[in-house]
């Protein structure tokens, strides 16, 4: 049976970390937690589940996860967030698939809970399981992606060396209140804007404008968020996830608007 290392990064996650670590019991051969100098009981709770806990100042999501990967010894890496949970059904599927996998990278469906409701129609997919020797994260501070160690190309779903599992990972999330959502949105949109200015591309790898032309600003700050709202509400059928689904579509569109507004403000400030 191939060995599996589960890695998590966390800061001040005492409300969630126990559930996440408990869900890995019976699946992972080792659990590695890299803690970003928590000031709550995160580390104390984690000690009940693993001895492999390292404190490290936060330098960005990509760098933090790669540090955790460097501590791992398993044939496979499974990464979950501190507010996520691996169900018994997903544990069984992971065990089966890594025993017989013909590919290096395995994507998981992810179902997020928002204001108490699982958004089953708005669920996404995320690369969370891969052969340790085959991949590592890029160094983006937010919205980091896994790259192949062979040629540093970004791994995309439907590449020949990927596969999508069927059982979802549960993302309980910090989005149990709108305040929690907007606090995280504030941090992430700032990180996105700074990363776009640094790299010249957005979180999907698309080039960002090098000028702050009025048409470019209007298109990205107002037109693209509206397209995002309609895409999630109708094409992704968020309308079927109740009022929580509708509100998720609204705040997701607002995320796009806020991110681009901050990006153009940063461009102006650094000219």
Protein backbone atom coordinates (compact mmCIF):
# COMPACT_ATOMS: atom_id res chain seq x y z
CA UNK A 1 0.00 0.00 0.00
CA UNK A 2 1.51 3.40 -0.94
CA UNK A 3 2.07 5.70 2.02
CA UNK A 4 0.14 8.96 2.44
CA UNK A 5 1.19 12.19 4.11
CA UNK A 6 -1.57 14.64 5.03
CA UNK A 7 -0.47 18.26 5.32
CA UNK A 8 -2.27 21.28 6.71
CA UNK A 9 -1.31 24.90 7.25
CA UNK A 10 -3.15 26.93 9.85
CA UNK A 11 -3.34 30.05 11.96
CA UNK A 12 -5.84 30.55 14.79
CA UNK A 13 -8.06 27.66 13.74
CA UNK A 14 -9.08 26.32 17.16
CA UNK A 15 -12.74 26.19 16.08
CA UNK A 16 -12.01 23.85 13.15
CA UNK A 17 -8.64 22.10 13.41
CA UNK A 18 -9.79 19.22 15.62
CA UNK A 19 -12.51 18.16 13.21
CA UNK A 20 -10.14 18.34 10.23
CA UNK A 21 -7.43 16.27 11.92
CA UNK A 22 -9.89 13.72 13.30
CA UNK A 23 -11.21 13.14 9.78
CA UNK A 24 -7.73 12.00 8.69
CA UNK A 25 -7.60 9.23 11.29
CA UNK A 26 -7.16 5.85 9.65
CA UNK A 27 -6.21 7.39 6.31
CA UNK A 28 -2.89 9.23 6.63
CA UNK A 29 0.35 7.52 7.64
CA UNK A 30 1.54 10.88 8.96
CA UNK A 31 -0.09 14.25 9.57
CA UNK A 32 2.01 17.41 9.28
CA UNK A 33 0.77 20.76 10.54
CA UNK A 34 2.63 23.97 9.76
CA UNK A 35 1.26 26.61 12.10
CA UNK A 36 1.69 30.30 11.35
CA UNK A 37 2.27 31.48 14.91
CA UNK A 38 -1.26 30.94 16.22
CA UNK A 39 -2.24 32.80 19.36
CA UNK A 40 -5.20 30.57 20.21
CA UNK A 41 -5.43 26.85 21.07
CA UNK A 42 -4.77 25.56 17.54
CA UNK A 43 -1.46 23.89 18.41
CA UNK A 44 -2.71 22.44 21.70
CA UNK A 45 -5.64 20.82 19.95
CA UNK A 46 -3.46 19.54 17.10
CA UNK A 47 -1.12 17.81 19.56
CA UNK A 48 -3.92 15.35 20.32
CA UNK A 49 -3.69 14.09 16.73
CA UNK A 50 -0.07 14.48 15.60
CA UNK A 51 3.42 15.17 16.90
CA UNK A 52 4.58 16.63 13.59
CA UNK A 53 3.82 20.29 14.23
CA UNK A 54 6.13 23.07 13.09
CA UNK A 55 5.71 26.78 13.78
CA UNK A 56 6.74 29.02 10.89
CA UNK A 57 6.06 32.66 10.08
CA UNK A 58 3.60 33.00 7.22
CA UNK A 59 5.27 33.87 3.90
CA UNK A 60 2.39 33.14 1.57
CA UNK A 61 0.21 30.11 0.90
CA UNK A 62 2.46 28.61 -1.77
CA UNK A 63 5.62 28.89 0.30
CA UNK A 64 3.91 27.57 3.42
CA UNK A 65 2.52 24.51 1.67
CA UNK A 66 5.83 23.75 -0.04
CA UNK A 67 7.52 23.88 3.35
CA UNK A 68 5.02 21.33 4.64
CA UNK A 69 5.58 19.18 1.55
CA UNK A 70 9.30 19.24 2.29
CA UNK A 71 8.65 17.66 5.69
CA UNK A 72 6.53 14.87 4.24
CA UNK A 73 7.82 11.34 3.65
CA UNK A 74 4.81 9.65 2.07
CA UNK A 75 4.48 8.51 -1.53
CA UNK A 76 1.36 10.67 -1.82
CA UNK A 77 0.47 14.11 -0.49
CA UNK A 78 -3.06 14.99 0.63
CA UNK A 79 -3.66 18.63 1.47
CA UNK A 80 -6.77 19.87 3.24
CA UNK A 81 -7.56 23.19 4.86
CA UNK A 82 -8.14 23.48 8.59
CA UNK A 83 -11.87 24.09 8.05
CA UNK A 84 -12.37 21.04 5.81
CA UNK A 85 -13.36 17.47 6.58
CA UNK A 86 -12.69 14.13 4.89
CA UNK A 87 -15.79 11.95 5.12
CA UNK A 88 -15.57 8.17 5.68
CA UNK A 89 -16.70 7.66 2.07
CA UNK A 90 -13.93 9.93 0.78
CA UNK A 91 -11.37 8.14 2.96
CA UNK A 92 -12.39 4.85 1.36
CA UNK A 93 -12.17 6.28 -2.15
CA UNK A 94 -8.74 7.79 -1.51
CA UNK A 95 -7.40 4.50 -0.15
CA UNK A 96 -8.65 2.65 -3.22
CA UNK A 97 -7.46 5.14 -5.79
CA UNK A 98 -3.89 5.58 -4.54
CA UNK A 99 -3.51 1.82 -4.42
CA UNK A 100 -4.25 1.55 -8.13
CA UNK A 101 -3.72 5.04 -9.54
CA UNK A 102 -2.35 5.30 -13.07
CA UNK A 103 -2.04 9.10 -12.83
CA UNK A 104 -0.06 11.46 -10.61
CA UNK A 105 -2.64 14.15 -9.80
CA UNK A 106 -6.09 13.66 -8.31
CA UNK A 107 -8.71 16.41 -8.11
CA UNK A 108 -11.44 16.35 -5.48
CA UNK A 109 -14.93 17.80 -5.69
CA UNK A 110 -15.38 20.41 -2.94
CA UNK A 111 -18.74 21.35 -1.45
CA UNK A 112 -18.70 24.59 0.55
CA UNK A 113 -21.15 25.42 3.33
CA UNK A 114 -22.29 29.04 3.25
CA UNK A 115 -24.44 30.47 6.03
CA UNK A 116 -25.31 26.97 7.15
CA UNK A 117 -26.21 25.45 3.77
CA UNK A 118 -24.06 23.18 1.56
CA UNK A 119 -23.86 24.77 -1.90
CA UNK A 120 -24.15 21.54 -3.84
CA UNK A 121 -24.72 23.17 -7.24
CA UNK A 122 -21.94 25.72 -6.77
CA UNK A 123 -19.37 23.15 -5.69
CA UNK A 124 -15.98 23.26 -7.35
CA UNK A 125 -12.98 21.00 -7.88
CA UNK A 126 -9.52 21.33 -6.42
CA UNK A 127 -6.25 19.45 -6.80
CA UNK A 128 -5.62 18.08 -3.31
CA UNK A 129 -3.98 14.68 -3.81
CA UNK A 130 -0.79 13.99 -5.77
CA UNK A 131 2.37 11.92 -5.83
CA UNK A 132 4.90 13.77 -3.71
CA UNK A 133 7.68 13.44 -6.29
CA UNK A 134 5.46 14.67 -9.11
CA UNK A 135 4.27 18.09 -7.93
CA UNK A 136 4.73 21.14 -5.77
CA UNK A 137 3.03 24.50 -5.33
CA UNK A 138 4.08 27.71 -7.02
CA UNK A 139 5.10 30.58 -4.77
CA UNK A 140 2.01 32.77 -5.12
CA UNK A 141 0.87 34.32 -1.87
CA UNK A 142 -2.79 33.54 -2.64
CA UNK A 143 -4.58 31.22 -5.06
CA UNK A 144 -1.46 29.11 -5.39
CA UNK A 145 -1.43 26.32 -7.98
CA UNK A 146 0.29 22.94 -8.11
CA UNK A 147 2.99 22.57 -10.76
CA UNK A 148 4.72 19.51 -12.14
CA UNK A 149 8.24 19.13 -10.79
CA UNK A 150 9.36 17.85 -14.21
CA UNK A 151 8.69 21.03 -16.21
CA UNK A 152 6.98 23.48 -13.78
CA UNK A 153 3.79 23.47 -15.84
CA UNK A 154 0.56 24.14 -13.93
CA UNK A 155 -1.62 21.05 -13.50
CA UNK A 156 -5.12 21.45 -14.93
CA UNK A 157 -8.10 19.15 -14.62
CA UNK A 158 -8.45 16.95 -17.71
CA UNK A 159 -4.71 16.88 -18.36
CA UNK A 160 -3.66 13.34 -19.25
CA UNK A 161 -2.03 12.77 -15.87
CA UNK A 162 -5.09 13.85 -13.83
CA UNK A 163 -8.30 12.27 -12.61
CA UNK A 164 -11.36 13.55 -10.73
CA UNK A 165 -12.61 11.59 -7.73
CA UNK A 166 -16.34 11.28 -7.11
CA UNK A 167 -16.76 11.83 -3.36
CA UNK A 168 -16.66 15.48 -2.25
CA UNK A 169 -14.47 17.09 0.36
CA UNK A 170 -16.59 19.08 2.81
CA UNK A 171 -15.57 22.71 3.27
CA UNK A 172 -17.27 23.93 6.43
CA UNK A 173 -15.61 27.32 5.88
CA UNK A 174 -15.45 30.52 7.83
CA UNK A 175 -18.57 31.62 5.97
CA UNK A 176 -21.05 30.93 8.74
CA UNK A 177 -21.64 34.69 8.96
CA UNK A 178 -21.41 37.45 6.38
CA UNK A 179 -18.88 39.19 8.59
CA UNK A 180 -16.64 36.14 8.39
CA UNK A 181 -16.94 36.11 4.62
CA UNK A 182 -16.16 39.80 4.20
CA UNK A 183 -13.18 39.63 6.56
CA UNK A 184 -11.65 36.89 4.43
CA UNK A 185 -12.61 38.67 1.21
CA UNK A 186 -10.74 41.77 2.37
CA UNK A 187 -7.54 39.80 2.91
CA UNK A 188 -7.78 37.72 -0.24
CA UNK A 189 -8.65 40.54 -2.63
CA UNK A 190 -5.68 42.52 -1.34
CA UNK A 191 -3.43 39.51 -1.85
CA UNK A 192 -4.84 38.92 -5.33
CA UNK A 193 -4.26 42.54 -6.36
CA UNK A 194 -0.68 42.51 -5.09
CA UNK A 195 0.03 39.18 -6.80
CA UNK A 196 -1.42 40.37 -10.12
CA UNK A 197 0.76 43.46 -10.01
CA UNK A 198 3.83 41.37 -9.21
CA UNK A 199 3.29 38.55 -11.70
CA UNK A 200 1.39 40.26 -14.51
CA UNK A 201 -1.30 37.55 -14.52
CA UNK A 202 -4.50 36.80 -12.63
CA UNK A 203 -5.21 33.70 -10.53
CA UNK A 204 -6.22 31.78 -13.65
CA UNK A 205 -2.95 32.61 -15.42
CA UNK A 206 -4.48 35.18 -17.77
CA UNK A 207 -2.49 38.38 -18.45
CA UNK A 208 -3.68 41.51 -16.65
CA UNK A 209 -3.72 44.96 -18.30
CA UNK A 210 -0.50 46.92 -18.13
CA UNK A 211 -2.36 50.22 -18.34
CA UNK A 212 -5.25 51.69 -16.37
CA UNK A 213 -7.22 52.73 -19.47
CA UNK A 214 -10.81 53.73 -18.65
CA UNK A 215 -12.28 50.97 -20.84
CA UNK A 216 -10.12 48.35 -19.11
CA UNK A 217 -11.19 49.58 -15.67
CA UNK A 218 -14.90 49.64 -16.55
CA UNK A 219 -14.76 46.19 -18.16
CA UNK A 220 -13.01 44.50 -15.26
CA UNK A 221 -14.58 46.35 -12.34
CA UNK A 222 -18.18 46.31 -13.57
CA UNK A 223 -18.79 44.09 -16.61
CA UNK A 224 -16.79 41.02 -15.51
CA UNK A 225 -18.44 40.90 -12.04
CA UNK A 226 -21.88 40.94 -13.67
CA UNK A 227 -20.86 38.11 -15.99
CA UNK A 228 -19.55 36.20 -12.96
CA UNK A 229 -22.88 36.64 -11.17
CA UNK A 230 -24.90 35.34 -14.14
CA UNK A 231 -22.52 32.47 -14.74
CA UNK A 232 -22.80 31.25 -11.16
CA UNK A 233 -26.52 31.88 -10.81
CA UNK A 234 -27.69 30.37 -14.11
CA UNK A 235 -24.99 28.28 -15.80
CA UNK A 236 -23.72 26.79 -12.52
CA UNK A 237 -27.33 26.68 -11.23
CA UNK A 238 -26.63 28.53 -8.01
CA UNK A 239 -30.26 29.56 -8.07
CA UNK A 240 -31.07 25.98 -6.98
CA UNK A 241 -29.06 26.40 -3.76
CA UNK A 242 -31.71 28.64 -2.19
CA UNK A 243 -31.22 32.16 -0.95
CA UNK A 244 -27.74 31.20 0.27
CA UNK A 245 -26.82 30.23 -3.29
CA UNK A 246 -28.17 33.49 -4.68
CA UNK A 247 -26.25 35.47 -2.06
CA UNK A 248 -23.07 33.52 -2.80
CA UNK A 249 -23.38 34.57 -6.44
CA UNK A 250 -23.74 38.20 -5.33
CA UNK A 251 -20.73 38.22 -3.01
CA UNK A 252 -18.62 36.31 -5.57
CA UNK A 253 -19.34 39.05 -8.10
CA UNK A 254 -18.45 41.62 -5.47
CA UNK A 255 -15.15 39.79 -4.90
CA UNK A 256 -14.25 40.30 -8.57
CA UNK A 257 -15.16 43.98 -8.42
CA UNK A 258 -13.16 44.57 -5.21
CA UNK A 259 -10.12 42.68 -6.50
CA UNK A 260 -9.92 44.70 -9.70
CA UNK A 261 -10.58 47.98 -7.92
CA UNK A 262 -7.64 47.29 -5.62
CA UNK A 263 -5.45 46.23 -8.53
CA UNK A 264 -5.99 49.45 -10.46
CA UNK A 265 -5.49 51.50 -7.29
CA UNK A 266 -2.16 49.75 -6.72
CA UNK A 267 -1.11 50.41 -10.33
CA UNK A 268 -1.86 54.11 -9.95
CA UNK A 269 -0.01 54.34 -6.63
CA UNK A 270 3.16 52.80 -8.10
CA UNK A 271 3.39 54.76 -11.32
